[in-house]
Amino acid sequence: MLVKPLPEGIRLIALFEPVQIIPAFIKEMPLHHIPNARTISLYVWHNTWAFVKKAGTIILLASAIVWLFAYLSDGDVQGSILARFGHWPCIATVTAIKQETGAWKWTIFNVNLLLVISFVAAVIIYHLARMLGWGG
């Protein structure tokens, strides 16, 4: 016979109703091994190769475009489309922003915002310098 407590503190003998005993939750810890050199080298190789494929293609493409714009018109960097276009944002920075945000929308927004801030700061500094009599 099993004794089963009731909320009011009264005890009844349970003759027909079995009492279920719930075992405690026991989680076994996995075995911890010192990683071997083969596992580490495969992991490093796989992640390095993935990075080179992902970043290398973007950097190679951006470098080719910059080179093309730098030497497109007459072969001289000073008279090229790149020199007339102005200073390009750092390609590595743009790539990092794209990778962090995961969206071209935020990357383009960030680049445009930085260009606007830079332009406004340059205009303000130019006019302040002119008011102080610096420059021609």
Protein backbone atom coordinates (compact mmCIF):
# COMPACT_ATOMS: atom_id res chain seq x y z
CA MET A 1 0.00 0.00 0.00
CA LEU A 2 1.20 3.47 -0.92
CA VAL A 3 0.40 6.64 0.97
CA LYS A 4 -0.47 9.63 -1.20
CA PRO A 5 -0.64 13.18 0.32
CA LEU A 6 -3.64 15.38 -0.43
CA PRO A 7 -3.64 19.18 -0.49
CA GLU A 8 -5.56 19.46 2.77
CA GLY A 9 -2.95 17.38 4.55
CA ILE A 10 -5.24 14.33 4.80
CA ARG A 11 -3.67 11.00 3.85
CA LEU A 12 -5.52 8.26 2.03
CA ILE A 13 -4.34 4.82 1.19
CA ALA A 14 -4.21 4.36 -2.58
CA LEU A 15 -5.25 0.82 -3.31
CA PHE A 16 -6.24 1.05 -6.96
CA GLU A 17 -4.29 4.08 -8.22
CA PRO A 18 -0.57 3.54 -8.89
CA VAL A 19 1.80 6.33 -7.87
CA GLN A 20 4.21 7.32 -10.60
CA ILE A 21 7.77 7.91 -9.55
CA ILE A 22 9.56 10.38 -11.87
CA PRO A 23 13.28 9.73 -12.11
CA ALA A 24 15.67 12.64 -11.76
CA PHE A 25 17.08 14.18 -14.94
CA ILE A 26 20.65 13.06 -15.39
CA LYS A 27 22.71 14.46 -18.24
CA GLU A 28 25.90 12.76 -19.12
CA MET A 29 28.78 15.00 -20.04
CA PRO A 30 30.48 14.17 -23.33
CA LEU A 31 34.01 12.94 -23.31
CA HIS A 32 36.55 15.72 -23.63
CA HIS A 33 39.62 14.91 -25.65
CA ILE A 34 42.63 16.98 -26.54
CA PRO A 35 42.22 17.77 -30.26
CA ASN A 36 44.79 16.20 -32.51
CA ALA A 37 46.86 18.07 -35.08
CA ARG A 38 44.93 16.64 -38.03
CA THR A 39 41.58 17.92 -36.73
CA ILE A 40 43.01 21.39 -36.03
CA SER A 41 44.74 21.63 -39.40
CA LEU A 42 41.61 20.55 -41.30
CA TYR A 43 39.51 23.09 -39.40
CA VAL A 44 41.99 25.90 -40.04
CA TRP A 45 42.39 24.95 -43.72
CA HIS A 46 38.63 24.82 -44.29
CA ASN A 47 37.97 28.21 -42.66
CA THR A 48 40.97 29.88 -44.33
CA TRP A 49 39.95 28.61 -47.76
CA ALA A 50 36.35 29.76 -47.22
CA PHE A 51 37.58 33.24 -46.27
CA VAL A 52 39.94 33.45 -49.26
CA LYS A 53 37.16 32.43 -51.65
CA LYS A 54 34.65 34.87 -50.19
CA ALA A 55 36.86 37.91 -49.59
CA GLY A 56 39.32 37.22 -52.40
CA THR A 57 36.72 37.39 -55.14
CA ILE A 58 35.35 40.71 -53.88
CA ILE A 59 38.81 42.22 -53.39
CA LEU A 60 40.03 40.97 -56.78
CA LEU A 61 36.97 42.36 -58.56
CA ALA A 62 37.24 45.71 -56.76
CA SER A 63 40.98 45.93 -57.50
CA ALA A 64 40.34 45.22 -61.18
CA ILE A 65 37.70 47.97 -61.34
CA VAL A 66 39.99 50.47 -59.60
CA TRP A 67 42.86 49.59 -61.94
CA LEU A 68 40.56 49.91 -64.96
CA PHE A 69 39.35 53.35 -63.85
CA ALA A 70 42.89 54.44 -62.99
CA TYR A 71 44.33 53.71 -66.45
CA LEU A 72 41.27 53.82 -68.72
CA SER A 73 41.53 57.25 -70.33
CA ASP A 74 45.19 57.86 -71.18
CA GLY A 75 47.27 55.54 -69.02
CA ASP A 76 48.13 58.28 -66.53
CA VAL A 77 46.64 58.10 -63.05
CA GLN A 78 46.42 61.91 -62.73
CA GLY A 79 44.18 62.25 -65.80
CA SER A 80 42.15 59.08 -65.32
CA ILE A 81 38.48 58.57 -64.61
CA LEU A 82 39.42 57.60 -61.06
CA ALA A 83 41.19 60.93 -60.49
CA ARG A 84 38.21 62.83 -61.87
CA PHE A 85 35.74 60.75 -59.88
CA GLY A 86 37.49 61.52 -56.61
CA HIS A 87 38.48 59.41 -53.66
CA TRP A 88 36.87 56.02 -53.53
CA PRO A 89 35.81 54.61 -50.20
CA CYS A 90 38.14 51.94 -48.91
CA ILE A 91 37.11 48.68 -50.56
CA ALA A 92 38.13 46.63 -47.51
CA THR A 93 35.87 48.79 -45.32
CA VAL A 94 32.94 48.43 -47.71
CA THR A 95 33.48 44.66 -47.83
CA ALA A 96 33.59 44.47 -44.03
CA ILE A 97 30.38 46.52 -43.74
CA LYS A 98 28.66 44.24 -46.26
CA GLN A 99 29.77 41.14 -44.38
CA GLU A 100 28.71 42.53 -41.00
CA THR A 101 25.31 43.85 -42.09
CA GLY A 102 24.60 41.08 -44.56
CA ALA A 103 22.71 43.43 -46.88
CA TRP A 104 23.72 45.72 -49.73
CA LYS A 105 21.02 48.20 -48.68
CA TRP A 106 22.80 49.05 -45.41
CA THR A 107 26.22 48.97 -47.05
CA ILE A 108 25.19 51.50 -49.72
CA PHE A 109 23.43 53.62 -47.08
CA ASN A 110 26.57 53.63 -44.93
CA VAL A 111 28.87 54.58 -47.84
CA ASN A 112 26.54 57.37 -48.99
CA LEU A 113 26.18 58.70 -45.44
CA LEU A 114 29.95 58.82 -45.00
CA LEU A 115 30.36 60.57 -48.36
CA VAL A 116 27.76 63.20 -47.44
CA ILE A 117 29.32 63.78 -44.01
CA SER A 118 32.78 64.08 -45.59
CA PHE A 119 31.54 66.52 -48.24
CA VAL A 120 29.74 68.72 -45.72
CA ALA A 121 32.78 68.74 -43.41
CA ALA A 122 35.04 69.68 -46.36
CA VAL A 123 32.77 72.56 -47.38
CA ILE A 124 32.60 73.88 -43.81
CA ILE A 125 36.38 73.68 -43.37
CA TYR A 126 36.96 75.32 -46.76
CA HIS A 127 34.70 78.27 -45.94
CA LEU A 128 36.18 78.66 -42.44
CA ALA A 129 39.67 78.71 -43.93
CA ARG A 130 38.59 81.34 -46.48
CA MET A 131 37.07 83.51 -43.71
CA LEU A 132 40.34 83.31 -41.75
CA GLY A 133 42.26 84.37 -44.83
CA TRP A 134 43.96 81.03 -45.45
CA GLY A 135 44.23 79.74 -49.00
CA GLY A 136 43.66 81.57 -52.24
